[in-house]
């Protein structure tokens, strides 16, 4: 079955860095567009970044552009989000999501990121 498993979250101080990973299985990863989406406490879902199936094109929200870098390894079926210069407003549960040409989409269970001194 389809699985997306995020990892790498945790507690870091403002200005710190984290690298999130998303391990995927059960679908053809190299055919899927992928996204990172987050949900801050008490708020709705917020788009963070997206990447095309080949990894050649990435898109970022204005609030993370220049600080976050999204990448993928299609040989390993892995998705990554390098987050630098983290701010308290980045505190959220981060989800990876896959979007297939069939119209199906799948989400992971999320990994919690807390930015606090």
N, C-alpha and C. Protein backbone atom coordinates (compact mmCIF):
# COMPACT_ATOMS: atom_id res chain seq x y z
N UNK A 1 0.83 -1.18 0.00
CA UNK A 1 0.00 0.00 0.00
C UNK A 1 0.88 1.25 0.00
N UNK A 2 0.28 2.37 -0.30
CA UNK A 2 1.02 3.64 -0.34
C UNK A 2 1.39 4.07 1.08
N UNK A 3 2.65 4.44 1.21
CA UNK A 3 3.12 4.97 2.48
C UNK A 3 4.02 6.18 2.26
N UNK A 4 3.81 7.20 3.06
CA UNK A 4 4.70 8.35 3.13
C UNK A 4 4.99 8.56 4.61
N UNK A 5 6.25 8.52 4.96
CA UNK A 5 6.64 8.61 6.35
C UNK A 5 7.65 9.73 6.52
N UNK A 6 7.22 10.79 7.20
CA UNK A 6 8.09 11.93 7.45
C UNK A 6 8.94 11.69 8.69
N UNK A 7 10.12 12.28 8.70
CA UNK A 7 10.99 12.22 9.87
C UNK A 7 11.88 13.46 9.87
N UNK A 8 12.56 13.66 10.99
CA UNK A 8 13.51 14.76 11.07
C UNK A 8 13.04 15.96 11.85
N UNK A 9 11.79 15.95 12.28
CA UNK A 9 11.30 17.07 13.07
C UNK A 9 11.92 17.10 14.46
N UNK A 10 11.67 18.20 15.17
CA UNK A 10 12.19 18.31 16.52
C UNK A 10 12.12 19.74 17.02
N UNK A 11 12.83 19.96 18.11
CA UNK A 11 12.88 21.29 18.74
C UNK A 11 14.23 21.92 18.45
N UNK A 12 14.21 23.10 17.86
CA UNK A 12 15.45 23.82 17.61
C UNK A 12 15.25 25.28 17.98
N UNK A 13 16.35 25.96 18.22
CA UNK A 13 16.31 27.37 18.54
C UNK A 13 16.15 28.22 17.28
N UNK A 14 15.62 29.40 17.42
CA UNK A 14 15.55 30.31 16.25
C UNK A 14 16.92 30.47 15.63
N UNK A 15 16.93 30.47 14.31
CA UNK A 15 18.18 30.56 13.58
C UNK A 15 18.80 29.22 13.26
N UNK A 16 18.26 28.17 13.84
CA UNK A 16 18.81 26.84 13.62
C UNK A 16 18.32 26.20 12.33
N UNK A 17 18.72 24.97 12.14
CA UNK A 17 18.39 24.24 10.91
C UNK A 17 17.84 22.85 11.24
N UNK A 18 17.04 22.36 10.33
CA UNK A 18 16.55 21.00 10.38
C UNK A 18 16.45 20.47 8.95
N UNK A 19 16.58 19.17 8.82
CA UNK A 19 16.36 18.54 7.53
C UNK A 19 15.27 17.49 7.68
N UNK A 20 14.16 17.73 7.02
CA UNK A 20 13.07 16.77 7.03
C UNK A 20 13.24 15.78 5.89
N UNK A 21 12.84 14.55 6.14
CA UNK A 21 12.85 13.51 5.12
C UNK A 21 11.46 12.90 5.00
N UNK A 22 11.17 12.40 3.82
CA UNK A 22 9.91 11.71 3.58
C UNK A 22 10.22 10.44 2.79
N UNK A 23 10.06 9.31 3.44
CA UNK A 23 10.28 8.02 2.79
C UNK A 23 8.98 7.54 2.17
N UNK A 24 9.02 7.18 0.91
CA UNK A 24 7.79 6.81 0.22
C UNK A 24 7.86 5.38 -0.32
N UNK A 25 6.70 4.77 -0.48
CA UNK A 25 6.61 3.45 -1.07
C UNK A 25 5.18 3.22 -1.55
N UNK A 26 5.01 2.24 -2.44
CA UNK A 26 3.68 1.86 -2.88
C UNK A 26 3.17 2.60 -4.10
N UNK A 27 3.99 3.49 -4.65
CA UNK A 27 3.61 4.16 -5.88
C UNK A 27 4.90 4.52 -6.63
N UNK A 28 4.74 4.91 -7.88
CA UNK A 28 5.92 5.23 -8.69
C UNK A 28 6.35 6.64 -8.34
N UNK A 29 7.30 6.73 -7.44
CA UNK A 29 7.72 8.02 -6.90
C UNK A 29 8.20 8.95 -8.01
N UNK A 30 8.91 8.42 -8.97
CA UNK A 30 9.49 9.26 -10.02
C UNK A 30 8.43 9.85 -10.95
N UNK A 31 7.21 9.41 -10.83
CA UNK A 31 6.12 9.97 -11.62
C UNK A 31 5.31 11.01 -10.86
N UNK A 32 5.62 11.19 -9.62
CA UNK A 32 4.77 12.02 -8.75
C UNK A 32 5.34 13.41 -8.52
N UNK A 33 4.49 14.40 -8.60
CA UNK A 33 4.83 15.72 -8.10
C UNK A 33 4.67 15.64 -6.57
N UNK A 34 5.54 16.33 -5.88
CA UNK A 34 5.53 16.24 -4.43
C UNK A 34 5.43 17.63 -3.82
N UNK A 35 4.85 17.68 -2.63
CA UNK A 35 4.74 18.94 -1.91
C UNK A 35 5.09 18.74 -0.45
N UNK A 36 5.52 19.80 0.18
CA UNK A 36 5.56 19.93 1.63
C UNK A 36 4.47 20.93 2.01
N UNK A 37 3.70 20.55 2.98
CA UNK A 37 2.61 21.39 3.49
C UNK A 37 2.72 21.39 5.01
N UNK A 38 2.40 22.49 5.64
CA UNK A 38 2.51 22.53 7.09
C UNK A 38 1.23 23.05 7.72
N UNK A 39 1.09 22.74 8.98
CA UNK A 39 -0.06 23.23 9.75
C UNK A 39 0.42 23.71 11.10
N UNK A 40 0.38 25.00 11.29
CA UNK A 40 0.76 25.59 12.57
C UNK A 40 -0.35 25.36 13.59
N UNK A 41 0.00 25.41 14.86
CA UNK A 41 -1.02 25.19 15.91
C UNK A 41 -2.21 26.14 15.75
N UNK A 42 -3.40 25.59 15.68
CA UNK A 42 -4.60 26.40 15.60
C UNK A 42 -4.87 27.04 14.25
N UNK A 43 -4.09 26.66 13.24
CA UNK A 43 -4.25 27.26 11.92
C UNK A 43 -4.52 26.20 10.86
N UNK A 44 -4.83 26.64 9.66
CA UNK A 44 -5.10 25.72 8.57
C UNK A 44 -3.83 25.27 7.87
N UNK A 45 -4.01 24.46 6.85
CA UNK A 45 -2.89 23.97 6.08
C UNK A 45 -2.26 25.10 5.26
N UNK A 46 -0.94 25.09 5.19
CA UNK A 46 -0.21 26.11 4.46
C UNK A 46 0.78 25.44 3.51
N UNK A 47 0.71 25.78 2.25
CA UNK A 47 1.65 25.27 1.27
C UNK A 47 3.05 25.81 1.57
N UNK A 48 4.03 24.92 1.53
CA UNK A 48 5.42 25.31 1.79
C UNK A 48 6.22 25.29 0.49
N UNK A 49 6.22 24.14 -0.19
CA UNK A 49 7.03 24.01 -1.40
C UNK A 49 6.55 22.84 -2.23
N UNK A 50 6.91 22.88 -3.50
CA UNK A 50 6.56 21.79 -4.41
C UNK A 50 7.71 21.51 -5.35
N UNK A 51 7.75 20.29 -5.88
CA UNK A 51 8.81 19.88 -6.78
C UNK A 51 8.22 18.97 -7.84
N UNK A 52 8.72 19.12 -9.08
CA UNK A 52 8.17 18.28 -10.14
C UNK A 52 8.75 16.87 -10.06
N UNK A 53 8.25 16.00 -10.91
CA UNK A 53 8.60 14.59 -10.81
C UNK A 53 10.08 14.32 -11.02
N UNK A 54 10.71 15.11 -11.87
CA UNK A 54 12.12 14.92 -12.14
C UNK A 54 13.05 15.66 -11.22
N UNK A 55 12.49 16.51 -10.41
CA UNK A 55 13.31 17.29 -9.49
C UNK A 55 13.96 18.50 -10.10
N UNK A 56 13.54 18.84 -11.31
CA UNK A 56 14.18 19.95 -12.00
C UNK A 56 13.61 21.31 -11.63
N UNK A 57 12.40 21.32 -11.13
CA UNK A 57 11.73 22.58 -10.83
C UNK A 57 11.13 22.55 -9.43
N UNK A 58 11.40 23.59 -8.69
CA UNK A 58 10.86 23.72 -7.34
C UNK A 58 10.16 25.07 -7.20
N UNK A 59 9.18 25.08 -6.34
CA UNK A 59 8.42 26.30 -6.04
C UNK A 59 8.34 26.44 -4.53
N UNK A 60 8.45 27.66 -4.07
CA UNK A 60 8.41 27.92 -2.63
C UNK A 60 7.41 29.02 -2.31
N UNK A 61 6.83 28.93 -1.14
CA UNK A 61 6.00 30.03 -0.67
C UNK A 61 6.90 31.22 -0.35
N UNK A 62 6.32 32.38 -0.34
CA UNK A 62 7.10 33.59 -0.09
C UNK A 62 7.76 33.56 1.28
N UNK A 63 7.11 32.96 2.25
CA UNK A 63 7.62 33.03 3.62
C UNK A 63 8.81 32.11 3.85
N UNK A 64 9.03 31.14 2.97
CA UNK A 64 10.15 30.23 3.17
C UNK A 64 11.22 30.35 2.10
N UNK A 65 10.90 31.03 1.00
CA UNK A 65 11.86 31.15 -0.10
C UNK A 65 13.16 31.78 0.39
N UNK A 66 14.25 31.17 0.02
CA UNK A 66 15.56 31.64 0.44
C UNK A 66 16.07 31.00 1.72
N UNK A 67 15.16 30.35 2.45
CA UNK A 67 15.56 29.68 3.70
C UNK A 67 15.41 28.16 3.60
N UNK A 68 14.42 27.71 2.84
CA UNK A 68 14.15 26.28 2.70
C UNK A 68 14.56 25.80 1.32
N UNK A 69 15.04 24.56 1.24
CA UNK A 69 15.38 23.94 -0.03
C UNK A 69 14.76 22.56 -0.09
N UNK A 70 13.96 22.34 -1.12
CA UNK A 70 13.30 21.06 -1.31
C UNK A 70 14.06 20.27 -2.37
N UNK A 71 14.20 18.97 -2.14
CA UNK A 71 14.88 18.13 -3.10
C UNK A 71 14.31 16.72 -3.04
N UNK A 72 14.69 15.92 -4.00
CA UNK A 72 14.22 14.54 -4.03
C UNK A 72 15.31 13.64 -4.60
N UNK A 73 15.25 12.37 -4.21
CA UNK A 73 16.14 11.35 -4.75
C UNK A 73 15.24 10.25 -5.30
N UNK A 74 15.03 10.27 -6.59
CA UNK A 74 14.11 9.29 -7.19
C UNK A 74 14.65 7.85 -7.13
N UNK A 75 15.96 7.71 -7.02
CA UNK A 75 16.53 6.36 -6.91
C UNK A 75 16.21 5.76 -5.55
N UNK A 76 16.03 6.61 -4.55
CA UNK A 76 15.76 6.14 -3.19
C UNK A 76 14.31 6.35 -2.76
N UNK A 77 13.50 6.94 -3.65
CA UNK A 77 12.10 7.23 -3.32
C UNK A 77 12.00 8.13 -2.09
N UNK A 78 12.87 9.13 -2.03
CA UNK A 78 12.95 9.99 -0.87
C UNK A 78 12.74 11.45 -1.25
N UNK A 79 12.11 12.17 -0.35
CA UNK A 79 11.88 13.59 -0.48
C UNK A 79 12.51 14.28 0.72
N UNK A 80 13.04 15.49 0.50
CA UNK A 80 13.72 16.19 1.57
C UNK A 80 13.29 17.65 1.63
N UNK A 81 13.45 18.22 2.81
CA UNK A 81 13.26 19.65 2.99
C UNK A 81 14.34 20.15 3.95
N UNK A 82 15.29 20.86 3.41
CA UNK A 82 16.33 21.49 4.24
C UNK A 82 15.82 22.84 4.68
N UNK A 83 15.76 23.05 5.98
CA UNK A 83 15.21 24.28 6.53
C UNK A 83 16.29 25.00 7.32
N UNK A 84 16.64 26.18 6.89
CA UNK A 84 17.67 26.98 7.54
C UNK A 84 17.08 28.27 8.10
N UNK A 85 17.82 28.88 9.01
CA UNK A 85 17.38 30.15 9.59
C UNK A 85 15.93 30.06 10.06
N UNK A 86 15.66 29.05 10.83
CA UNK A 86 14.29 28.80 11.26
C UNK A 86 13.79 29.88 12.21
N UNK A 87 12.51 30.16 12.11
CA UNK A 87 11.87 31.20 12.90
C UNK A 87 10.74 30.59 13.72
N UNK A 88 10.34 31.24 14.80
CA UNK A 88 9.23 30.71 15.60
C UNK A 88 7.97 30.47 14.76
N UNK A 89 7.73 31.31 13.74
CA UNK A 89 6.56 31.13 12.89
C UNK A 89 6.63 29.88 12.03
N UNK A 90 7.78 29.24 11.97
CA UNK A 90 7.89 27.97 11.24
C UNK A 90 7.41 26.78 12.06
N UNK A 91 7.08 27.02 13.30
CA UNK A 91 6.56 25.95 14.15
C UNK A 91 5.27 25.39 13.57
N UNK A 92 5.26 24.09 13.31
CA UNK A 92 4.11 23.46 12.67
C UNK A 92 4.35 21.96 12.56
N UNK A 93 3.31 21.26 12.18
CA UNK A 93 3.46 19.88 11.73
C UNK A 93 3.66 19.93 10.22
N UNK A 94 4.70 19.28 9.76
CA UNK A 94 5.04 19.30 8.34
C UNK A 94 4.65 17.97 7.70
N UNK A 95 3.93 18.07 6.60
CA UNK A 95 3.47 16.89 5.87
C UNK A 95 4.08 16.86 4.48
N UNK A 96 4.44 15.66 4.03
CA UNK A 96 4.76 15.50 2.62
C UNK A 96 3.53 14.90 1.93
N UNK A 97 3.36 15.27 0.70
CA UNK A 97 2.19 14.80 -0.05
C UNK A 97 2.60 14.52 -1.49
N UNK A 98 2.01 13.48 -2.05
CA UNK A 98 2.29 13.10 -3.43
C UNK A 98 1.06 13.32 -4.29
N UNK A 99 1.30 13.73 -5.52
CA UNK A 99 0.22 13.99 -6.46
C UNK A 99 0.54 13.28 -7.77
N UNK A 100 -0.32 12.31 -8.11
CA UNK A 100 -0.06 11.48 -9.27
C UNK A 100 -0.85 11.95 -10.48
N UNK A 101 -0.42 11.52 -11.64
CA UNK A 101 -1.11 11.89 -12.88
C UNK A 101 -2.52 11.31 -12.94
N UNK A 102 -2.78 10.29 -12.12
CA UNK A 102 -4.12 9.69 -12.06
C UNK A 102 -5.11 10.59 -11.32
N UNK A 103 -4.59 11.60 -10.63
CA UNK A 103 -5.42 12.44 -9.80
C UNK A 103 -5.40 12.04 -8.35
N UNK A 104 -4.80 10.89 -8.05
CA UNK A 104 -4.70 10.46 -6.66
C UNK A 104 -3.67 11.30 -5.91
N UNK A 105 -3.92 11.49 -4.65
CA UNK A 105 -2.95 12.16 -3.79
C UNK A 105 -2.87 11.42 -2.48
N UNK A 106 -1.68 11.43 -1.92
CA UNK A 106 -1.42 10.72 -0.67
C UNK A 106 -0.62 11.62 0.25
N UNK A 107 -0.89 11.47 1.55
CA UNK A 107 -0.25 12.31 2.55
C UNK A 107 0.40 11.43 3.62
N UNK A 108 1.46 11.94 4.19
CA UNK A 108 2.06 11.29 5.33
C UNK A 108 1.37 11.70 6.62
N UNK A 109 1.89 11.20 7.72
CA UNK A 109 1.27 11.48 9.02
C UNK A 109 1.82 12.74 9.67
N UNK A 110 2.88 13.27 9.11
CA UNK A 110 3.44 14.53 9.59
C UNK A 110 4.57 14.35 10.59
N UNK A 111 5.41 15.36 10.64
CA UNK A 111 6.47 15.42 11.65
C UNK A 111 6.44 16.82 12.27
N UNK A 112 6.56 16.88 13.57
CA UNK A 112 6.40 18.14 14.28
C UNK A 112 7.71 18.90 14.36
N UNK A 113 7.65 20.16 14.03
CA UNK A 113 8.79 21.07 14.12
C UNK A 113 8.44 22.19 15.08
N UNK A 114 9.28 22.38 16.08
CA UNK A 114 9.06 23.44 17.06
C UNK A 114 10.29 24.33 17.12
N UNK A 115 10.07 25.59 16.92
CA UNK A 115 11.16 26.57 16.96
C UNK A 115 10.95 27.45 18.18
N UNK A 116 11.84 27.31 19.14
CA UNK A 116 11.68 28.04 20.39
C UNK A 116 13.02 28.14 21.09
N UNK A 117 13.20 29.25 21.79
CA UNK A 117 14.42 29.41 22.59
C UNK A 117 14.17 28.96 24.02
